[in-house]
């Protein structure tokens, strides 16, 4: 029985080590992903500022175009409409 317990404990230790390694790798990959997303956002900000500078528009004009609301400090989200399919069409296609 003692040999069996030791074998199980060894397996548990091995599995814990494997999990910890995977957790470390996961955390490193998430950090890389977040860094890339930040770089992408920074590049997009630069593009927007460059386009704004070249546009000759005022800040107020750009904010109005974007639908910015100073009171709520937000821009409304435009939602795309989903195309509805009539039930009759579904049955006809079957």
N, C-alpha and C. Protein backbone atom coordinates (compact mmCIF):
# COMPACT_ATOMS: atom_id res chain seq x y z
N UNK A 1 0.82 -1.19 0.00
CA UNK A 1 0.00 0.00 0.00
C UNK A 1 0.87 1.26 0.00
N UNK A 2 2.01 1.21 0.68
CA UNK A 2 2.88 2.38 0.78
C UNK A 2 3.43 2.76 -0.60
N UNK A 3 3.79 1.76 -1.41
CA UNK A 3 4.30 2.03 -2.75
C UNK A 3 3.24 2.66 -3.64
N UNK A 4 2.04 2.24 -3.44
CA UNK A 4 0.92 2.77 -4.22
C UNK A 4 0.68 4.24 -3.88
N UNK A 5 0.72 4.56 -2.59
CA UNK A 5 0.51 5.94 -2.16
C UNK A 5 1.61 6.85 -2.71
N UNK A 6 2.82 6.37 -2.67
CA UNK A 6 3.95 7.14 -3.17
C UNK A 6 3.78 7.40 -4.67
N UNK A 7 3.31 6.41 -5.41
CA UNK A 7 3.10 6.54 -6.85
C UNK A 7 2.04 7.60 -7.14
N UNK A 8 0.95 7.59 -6.39
CA UNK A 8 -0.10 8.57 -6.57
C UNK A 8 0.41 9.97 -6.22
N UNK A 9 1.17 10.06 -5.13
CA UNK A 9 1.73 11.36 -4.75
C UNK A 9 2.69 11.88 -5.81
N UNK A 10 3.46 10.99 -6.40
CA UNK A 10 4.35 11.39 -7.49
C UNK A 10 3.56 11.90 -8.69
N UNK A 11 2.48 11.20 -9.01
CA UNK A 11 1.64 11.61 -10.13
C UNK A 11 1.00 12.98 -9.86
N UNK A 12 0.55 13.17 -8.62
CA UNK A 12 -0.05 14.45 -8.25
C UNK A 12 0.98 15.57 -8.39
N UNK A 13 2.18 15.33 -7.88
CA UNK A 13 3.25 16.33 -7.96
C UNK A 13 3.57 16.66 -9.43
N UNK A 14 3.65 15.63 -10.26
CA UNK A 14 3.92 15.81 -11.68
C UNK A 14 2.84 16.65 -12.35
N UNK A 15 1.59 16.34 -12.01
CA UNK A 15 0.47 17.07 -12.61
C UNK A 15 0.43 18.52 -12.13
N UNK A 16 0.72 18.73 -10.86
CA UNK A 16 0.78 20.10 -10.35
C UNK A 16 1.86 20.91 -11.07
N UNK A 17 3.01 20.30 -11.25
CA UNK A 17 4.09 20.98 -11.98
C UNK A 17 3.66 21.34 -13.40
N UNK A 18 2.99 20.39 -14.06
CA UNK A 18 2.52 20.63 -15.43
C UNK A 18 1.52 21.78 -15.46
N UNK A 19 0.62 21.80 -14.49
CA UNK A 19 -0.40 22.86 -14.43
C UNK A 19 0.26 24.22 -14.17
N UNK A 20 1.22 24.26 -13.26
CA UNK A 20 1.90 25.52 -12.96
C UNK A 20 2.67 26.05 -14.18
N UNK A 21 3.29 25.14 -14.93
CA UNK A 21 4.00 25.56 -16.13
C UNK A 21 3.03 26.13 -17.16
N UNK A 22 1.88 25.45 -17.32
CA UNK A 22 0.88 25.93 -18.27
C UNK A 22 0.31 27.28 -17.83
N UNK A 23 0.10 27.43 -16.53
CA UNK A 23 -0.42 28.69 -16.01
C UNK A 23 0.57 29.82 -16.29
N UNK A 24 1.84 29.57 -16.05
CA UNK A 24 2.87 30.58 -16.33
C UNK A 24 2.89 30.94 -17.81
N UNK A 25 2.82 29.92 -18.65
CA UNK A 25 2.84 30.16 -20.10
C UNK A 25 1.61 30.95 -20.52
N UNK A 26 0.44 30.57 -19.98
CA UNK A 26 -0.80 31.28 -20.28
C UNK A 26 -0.68 32.75 -19.90
N UNK A 27 -0.20 33.02 -18.70
CA UNK A 27 -0.07 34.40 -18.23
C UNK A 27 0.89 35.19 -19.11
N UNK A 28 1.98 34.56 -19.54
CA UNK A 28 2.92 35.23 -20.45
C UNK A 28 2.28 35.55 -21.79
N UNK A 29 1.50 34.61 -22.31
CA UNK A 29 0.84 34.81 -23.60
C UNK A 29 -0.22 35.90 -23.50
N UNK A 30 -0.94 35.95 -22.39
CA UNK A 30 -1.94 37.00 -22.18
C UNK A 30 -1.25 38.36 -22.11
N UNK A 31 -0.11 38.40 -21.45
CA UNK A 31 0.65 39.65 -21.36
C UNK A 31 1.09 40.12 -22.74
N UNK A 32 1.57 39.19 -23.57
CA UNK A 32 1.96 39.53 -24.94
C UNK A 32 0.76 40.05 -25.74
N UNK A 33 -0.37 39.37 -25.59
CA UNK A 33 -1.58 39.77 -26.29
C UNK A 33 -1.99 41.19 -25.88
N UNK A 34 -2.01 41.45 -24.60
CA UNK A 34 -2.38 42.78 -24.11
C UNK A 34 -1.43 43.85 -24.62
N UNK A 35 -0.15 43.51 -24.69
CA UNK A 35 0.84 44.45 -25.22
C UNK A 35 0.58 44.75 -26.69
N UNK A 36 0.26 43.73 -27.47
CA UNK A 36 -0.04 43.92 -28.89
C UNK A 36 -1.31 44.75 -29.09
N UNK A 37 -2.31 44.50 -28.27
CA UNK A 37 -3.56 45.27 -28.36
C UNK A 37 -3.29 46.74 -28.04
N UNK A 38 -2.47 46.98 -27.02
CA UNK A 38 -2.12 48.35 -26.65
C UNK A 38 -1.39 49.04 -27.80
N UNK A 39 -0.44 48.33 -28.44
CA UNK A 39 0.28 48.91 -29.58
C UNK A 39 -0.67 49.24 -30.71
N UNK A 40 -1.63 48.35 -30.97
CA UNK A 40 -2.60 48.58 -32.03
C UNK A 40 -3.45 49.81 -31.74
N UNK A 41 -3.89 49.94 -30.50
CA UNK A 41 -4.69 51.12 -30.11
C UNK A 41 -3.88 52.39 -30.24
N UNK A 42 -2.61 52.34 -29.85
CA UNK A 42 -1.74 53.52 -29.97
C UNK A 42 -1.58 53.93 -31.43
N UNK A 43 -1.38 52.94 -32.31
CA UNK A 43 -1.25 53.23 -33.74
C UNK A 43 -2.54 53.83 -34.29
N UNK A 44 -3.69 53.29 -33.86
CA UNK A 44 -4.97 53.83 -34.32
C UNK A 44 -5.17 55.25 -33.83
N UNK A 45 -4.76 55.53 -32.61
CA UNK A 45 -4.87 56.90 -32.08
C UNK A 45 -4.03 57.86 -32.92
N UNK A 46 -2.82 57.43 -33.27
CA UNK A 46 -1.95 58.28 -34.09
C UNK A 46 -2.57 58.54 -35.46
N UNK A 47 -3.17 57.51 -36.05
CA UNK A 47 -3.82 57.67 -37.35
C UNK A 47 -4.98 58.65 -37.26
N UNK A 48 -5.76 58.52 -36.20
CA UNK A 48 -6.91 59.41 -36.03
C UNK A 48 -6.45 60.85 -35.84
N UNK A 49 -5.44 61.05 -35.00
CA UNK A 49 -4.93 62.41 -34.79
C UNK A 49 -4.35 63.01 -36.07
N UNK A 50 -3.65 62.19 -36.83
CA UNK A 50 -3.08 62.66 -38.09
C UNK A 50 -4.19 63.05 -39.07
N UNK A 51 -5.22 62.21 -39.15
CA UNK A 51 -6.34 62.51 -40.03
C UNK A 51 -7.07 63.77 -39.57
N UNK A 52 -7.22 63.92 -38.27
CA UNK A 52 -7.87 65.12 -37.72
C UNK A 52 -7.07 66.37 -38.07
N UNK A 53 -5.76 66.30 -37.89
CA UNK A 53 -4.91 67.46 -38.21
C UNK A 53 -5.03 67.85 -39.68
N UNK A 54 -5.08 66.86 -40.55
CA UNK A 54 -5.16 67.12 -41.99
C UNK A 54 -6.55 67.57 -42.42
N UNK A 55 -7.58 67.25 -41.63
CA UNK A 55 -8.96 67.51 -42.05
C UNK A 55 -9.34 68.98 -42.07
N UNK A 56 -8.74 69.76 -41.20
CA UNK A 56 -9.12 71.16 -41.12
C UNK A 56 -10.43 71.38 -40.37
N UNK A 57 -10.97 70.32 -39.81
CA UNK A 57 -12.22 70.43 -39.06
C UNK A 57 -11.92 70.83 -37.62
N UNK A 58 -12.92 71.42 -36.98
CA UNK A 58 -12.77 71.77 -35.57
C UNK A 58 -13.10 70.55 -34.72
N UNK A 59 -12.69 70.61 -33.48
CA UNK A 59 -12.99 69.52 -32.55
C UNK A 59 -14.51 69.33 -32.44
N UNK A 60 -15.22 70.44 -32.37
CA UNK A 60 -16.68 70.37 -32.26
C UNK A 60 -17.30 69.69 -33.47
N UNK A 61 -16.78 69.98 -34.66
CA UNK A 61 -17.31 69.35 -35.87
C UNK A 61 -17.08 67.84 -35.86
N UNK A 62 -15.90 67.45 -35.45
CA UNK A 62 -15.58 66.02 -35.42
C UNK A 62 -16.44 65.32 -34.36
N UNK A 63 -16.58 65.92 -33.20
CA UNK A 63 -17.38 65.31 -32.14
C UNK A 63 -18.85 65.22 -32.56
N UNK A 64 -19.34 66.23 -33.24
CA UNK A 64 -20.72 66.18 -33.73
C UNK A 64 -20.89 65.06 -34.75
N UNK A 65 -19.91 64.93 -35.65
CA UNK A 65 -19.95 63.86 -36.65
C UNK A 65 -19.99 62.49 -35.98
N UNK A 66 -19.21 62.33 -34.91
CA UNK A 66 -19.16 61.05 -34.20
C UNK A 66 -20.37 60.81 -33.30
N UNK A 67 -21.16 61.87 -33.09
CA UNK A 67 -22.33 61.73 -32.24
C UNK A 67 -22.00 61.81 -30.77
N UNK A 68 -20.91 62.48 -30.45
CA UNK A 68 -20.46 62.60 -29.07
C UNK A 68 -21.40 63.47 -28.27
N UNK A 69 -21.77 63.00 -27.08
CA UNK A 69 -22.66 63.73 -26.19
C UNK A 69 -21.87 64.16 -24.97
N UNK A 70 -21.65 65.48 -24.84
CA UNK A 70 -20.84 65.98 -23.72
C UNK A 70 -21.45 65.67 -22.36
N UNK A 71 -22.77 65.72 -22.26
CA UNK A 71 -23.42 65.48 -20.98
C UNK A 71 -23.20 64.07 -20.48
N UNK A 72 -23.30 63.09 -21.36
CA UNK A 72 -23.11 61.71 -20.92
C UNK A 72 -21.68 61.23 -21.13
N UNK A 73 -20.86 62.08 -21.80
CA UNK A 73 -19.46 61.76 -22.08
C UNK A 73 -19.34 60.43 -22.83
N UNK A 74 -20.21 60.26 -23.85
CA UNK A 74 -20.17 59.01 -24.60
C UNK A 74 -20.54 59.24 -26.05
N UNK A 75 -20.26 58.22 -26.83
CA UNK A 75 -20.63 58.19 -28.24
C UNK A 75 -21.62 57.06 -28.38
N UNK A 76 -22.77 57.30 -29.01
CA UNK A 76 -23.75 56.21 -29.16
C UNK A 76 -23.19 55.09 -30.03
N UNK A 77 -23.51 53.88 -29.67
CA UNK A 77 -23.06 52.72 -30.43
C UNK A 77 -24.06 52.45 -31.53
N UNK A 78 -23.56 52.37 -32.74
CA UNK A 78 -24.44 52.06 -33.86
C UNK A 78 -24.54 50.54 -33.97
N UNK A 79 -25.74 50.09 -33.98
CA UNK A 79 -25.96 48.65 -34.08
C UNK A 79 -26.45 48.33 -35.48
N UNK A 80 -25.93 47.24 -36.01
CA UNK A 80 -26.38 46.82 -37.32
C UNK A 80 -27.66 46.01 -37.17
N UNK A 81 -28.51 46.14 -38.12
CA UNK A 81 -29.76 45.39 -38.08
C UNK A 81 -29.52 43.97 -38.55
N UNK A 82 -30.15 43.08 -37.86
CA UNK A 82 -30.10 41.70 -38.32
C UNK A 82 -31.22 41.48 -39.33
N UNK A 83 -30.89 40.79 -40.33
CA UNK A 83 -31.88 40.53 -41.36
C UNK A 83 -32.77 39.40 -40.89
N UNK A 84 -34.04 39.67 -40.86
CA UNK A 84 -35.00 38.65 -40.43
C UNK A 84 -35.39 37.79 -41.62
N UNK A 85 -35.48 36.52 -41.36
CA UNK A 85 -35.92 35.59 -42.38
C UNK A 85 -37.30 35.11 -41.98
N UNK A 86 -38.22 35.24 -42.89
CA UNK A 86 -39.58 34.81 -42.60
C UNK A 86 -39.64 33.30 -42.48
N UNK A 87 -40.51 32.84 -41.63
CA UNK A 87 -40.66 31.39 -41.44
C UNK A 87 -41.08 30.72 -42.74
N UNK A 88 -41.89 31.40 -43.54
CA UNK A 88 -42.33 30.82 -44.81
C UNK A 88 -41.15 30.54 -45.72
N UNK A 89 -40.17 31.43 -45.73
CA UNK A 89 -38.99 31.25 -46.56
C UNK A 89 -38.20 30.03 -46.10
N UNK A 90 -38.09 29.86 -44.79
CA UNK A 90 -37.36 28.71 -44.25
C UNK A 90 -38.01 27.40 -44.68
N UNK A 91 -39.32 27.37 -44.63
CA UNK A 91 -40.04 26.14 -44.97
C UNK A 91 -39.97 25.88 -46.46
N UNK A 92 -39.98 26.94 -47.28
CA UNK A 92 -39.91 26.77 -48.73
C UNK A 92 -38.57 26.17 -49.15
N UNK A 93 -37.51 26.55 -48.43
CA UNK A 93 -36.19 26.09 -48.81
C UNK A 93 -35.95 24.64 -48.44
N UNK A 94 -36.72 24.10 -47.53
CA UNK A 94 -36.53 22.70 -47.08
C UNK A 94 -37.05 21.74 -48.05
